[in-house]
Amino acid sequence: MDSITLKELHQHTGKYARAAREQSFLITDRGHPVALLTAPVAADLVKSLPRQFSVNSAVVPKQPTGSEASVSAGRNER
């Protein structure tokens, strides 16, 4: 498993997202592990989602939202 920094992930998100089909990446921030980027396994994903979500709703919102509303909602949750 390769390790990449959060900055590298931000700069090359598409590259690493496509490469994650073949291998996993450990994401680090200032030398500390923060996330693991790996390809999803659909059967496991469906089992792990809460009942109110489906695979489609987890990936793409059913109602389009503006980015400003999404950012504001995320800030309010903190």
C-alpha atoms as a PDB file:
ATOM      1  CA  MET A   1       0.000   0.000   0.000  1.00  0.00           C
ATOM      2  CA  ASP A   2       1.392   3.381  -0.988  1.00  0.00           C
ATOM      3  CA  SER A   3       1.176   6.414   1.234  1.00  0.00           C
ATOM      4  CA  ILE A   4       0.308   9.886  -0.107  1.00  0.00           C
ATOM      5  CA  THR A   5      -0.150  13.216   1.608  1.00  0.00           C
ATOM      6  CA  LEU A   6      -3.446  15.028   1.853  1.00  0.00           C
ATOM      7  CA  LYS A   7      -1.942  17.790  -0.285  1.00  0.00           C
ATOM      8  CA  GLU A   8      -1.067  15.278  -3.032  1.00  0.00           C
ATOM      9  CA  LEU A   9      -4.613  13.916  -2.902  1.00  0.00           C
ATOM     10  CA  HIS A  10      -6.078  17.415  -3.269  1.00  0.00           C
ATOM     11  CA  GLN A  11      -3.798  18.201  -6.198  1.00  0.00           C
ATOM     12  CA  HIS A  12      -4.364  14.912  -8.049  1.00  0.00           C
ATOM     13  CA  THR A  13      -7.726  13.591  -6.828  1.00  0.00           C
ATOM     14  CA  GLY A  14      -8.782  12.069 -10.150  1.00  0.00           C
ATOM     15  CA  LYS A  15      -5.458  10.316 -10.650  1.00  0.00           C
ATOM     16  CA  TYR A  16      -5.554   8.675  -7.212  1.00  0.00           C
ATOM     17  CA  ALA A  17      -9.284   7.873  -7.387  1.00  0.00           C
ATOM     18  CA  ARG A  18      -8.740   5.979 -10.651  1.00  0.00           C
ATOM     19  CA  ALA A  19      -5.607   4.276  -9.327  1.00  0.00           C
ATOM     20  CA  ALA A  20      -7.541   3.130  -6.230  1.00  0.00           C
ATOM     21  CA  ARG A  21      -9.281   0.571  -8.455  1.00  0.00           C
ATOM     22  CA  GLU A  22      -6.000  -1.353  -8.452  1.00  0.00           C
ATOM     23  CA  GLN A  23      -4.408  -0.504  -5.092  1.00  0.00           C
ATOM     24  CA  SER A  24      -5.157   1.219  -1.786  1.00  0.00           C
ATOM     25  CA  PHE A  25      -3.577   4.469  -0.608  1.00  0.00           C
ATOM     26  CA  LEU A  26      -2.971   5.554   2.966  1.00  0.00           C
ATOM     27  CA  ILE A  27      -3.670   9.294   3.208  1.00  0.00           C
ATOM     28  CA  THR A  28      -1.516  11.213   5.690  1.00  0.00           C
ATOM     29  CA  ASP A  29      -1.732  14.740   7.061  1.00  0.00           C
ATOM     30  CA  ARG A  30       1.474  16.087   8.581  1.00  0.00           C
ATOM     31  CA  GLY A  31       2.790  12.558   8.866  1.00  0.00           C
ATOM     32  CA  HIS A  32      -0.273  11.124  10.617  1.00  0.00           C
ATOM     33  CA  PRO A  33      -2.638   8.663   8.890  1.00  0.00           C
ATOM     34  CA  VAL A  34      -6.095  10.197   8.377  1.00  0.00           C
ATOM     35  CA  ALA A  35      -7.841   8.062   5.743  1.00  0.00           C
ATOM     36  CA  LEU A  36      -7.636   5.075   3.471  1.00  0.00           C
ATOM     37  CA  LEU A  37      -8.532   5.392  -0.216  1.00  0.00           C
ATOM     38  CA  THR A  38      -9.611   2.073  -1.650  1.00  0.00           C
ATOM     39  CA  ALA A  39     -12.062   0.704  -4.201  1.00  0.00           C
ATOM     40  CA  PRO A  40     -15.516  -0.011  -2.738  1.00  0.00           C
ATOM     41  CA  VAL A  41     -16.942  -3.502  -2.637  1.00  0.00           C
ATOM     42  CA  ALA A  42     -20.594  -3.036  -3.589  1.00  0.00           C
ATOM     43  CA  ALA A  43     -21.966  -5.875  -1.427  1.00  0.00           C
ATOM     44  CA  ASP A  44     -20.115  -4.592   1.643  1.00  0.00           C
ATOM     45  CA  LEU A  45     -21.169  -1.016   0.902  1.00  0.00           C
ATOM     46  CA  VAL A  46     -24.865  -1.911   0.795  1.00  0.00           C
ATOM     47  CA  LYS A  47     -24.618  -3.814   4.092  1.00  0.00           C
ATOM     48  CA  SER A  48     -22.856  -0.940   5.864  1.00  0.00           C
ATOM     49  CA  LEU A  49     -25.243   1.839   4.815  1.00  0.00           C
ATOM     50  CA  PRO A  50     -28.029   2.912   7.182  1.00  0.00           C
ATOM     51  CA  ARG A  51     -31.509   1.792   6.101  1.00  0.00           C
ATOM     52  CA  GLN A  52     -32.564   5.223   4.835  1.00  0.00           C
ATOM     53  CA  PHE A  53     -29.748   5.238   2.259  1.00  0.00           C
ATOM     54  CA  SER A  54     -29.222   3.241  -0.882  1.00  0.00           C
ATOM     55  CA  VAL A  55     -26.018   2.984  -2.864  1.00  0.00           C
ATOM     56  CA  ASN A  56     -27.378   5.539  -5.354  1.00  0.00           C
ATOM     57  CA  SER A  57     -28.439   8.074  -2.752  1.00  0.00           C
ATOM     58  CA  ALA A  58     -25.123   7.723  -0.924  1.00  0.00           C
ATOM     59  CA  VAL A  59     -23.171   8.560  -4.061  1.00  0.00           C
ATOM     60  CA  VAL A  60     -25.433  11.126  -5.737  1.00  0.00           C
ATOM     61  CA  PRO A  61     -27.961  13.297  -3.862  1.00  0.00           C
ATOM     62  CA  LYS A  62     -31.541  12.797  -5.036  1.00  0.00           C
ATOM     63  CA  GLN A  63     -32.180  16.537  -5.065  1.00  0.00           C
ATOM     64  CA  PRO A  64     -29.603  18.857  -6.553  1.00  0.00           C
ATOM     65  CA  THR A  65     -28.190  21.299  -4.027  1.00  0.00           C
ATOM     66  CA  GLY A  66     -26.059  24.357  -4.520  1.00  0.00           C
ATOM     67  CA  SER A  67     -22.499  24.170  -3.247  1.00  0.00           C
ATOM     68  CA  GLU A  68     -23.110  27.101  -0.911  1.00  0.00           C
ATOM     69  CA  ALA A  69     -25.975  25.277   0.806  1.00  0.00           C
ATOM     70  CA  SER A  70     -23.897  22.095   1.142  1.00  0.00           C
ATOM     71  CA  VAL A  71     -20.947  23.942   2.641  1.00  0.00           C
ATOM     72  CA  SER A  72     -23.211  25.829   5.048  1.00  0.00           C
ATOM     73  CA  ALA A  73     -24.943  22.616   6.113  1.00  0.00           C
ATOM     74  CA  GLY A  74     -21.585  20.963   6.737  1.00  0.00           C
ATOM     75  CA  ARG A  75     -20.418  23.873   8.864  1.00  0.00           C
ATOM     76  CA  ASN A  76     -23.599  23.797  10.922  1.00  0.00           C
ATOM     77  CA  GLU A  77     -23.035  20.118  11.736  1.00  0.00           C
ATOM     78  CA  ARG A  78     -19.667  20.836  13.383  1.00  0.00           C
END
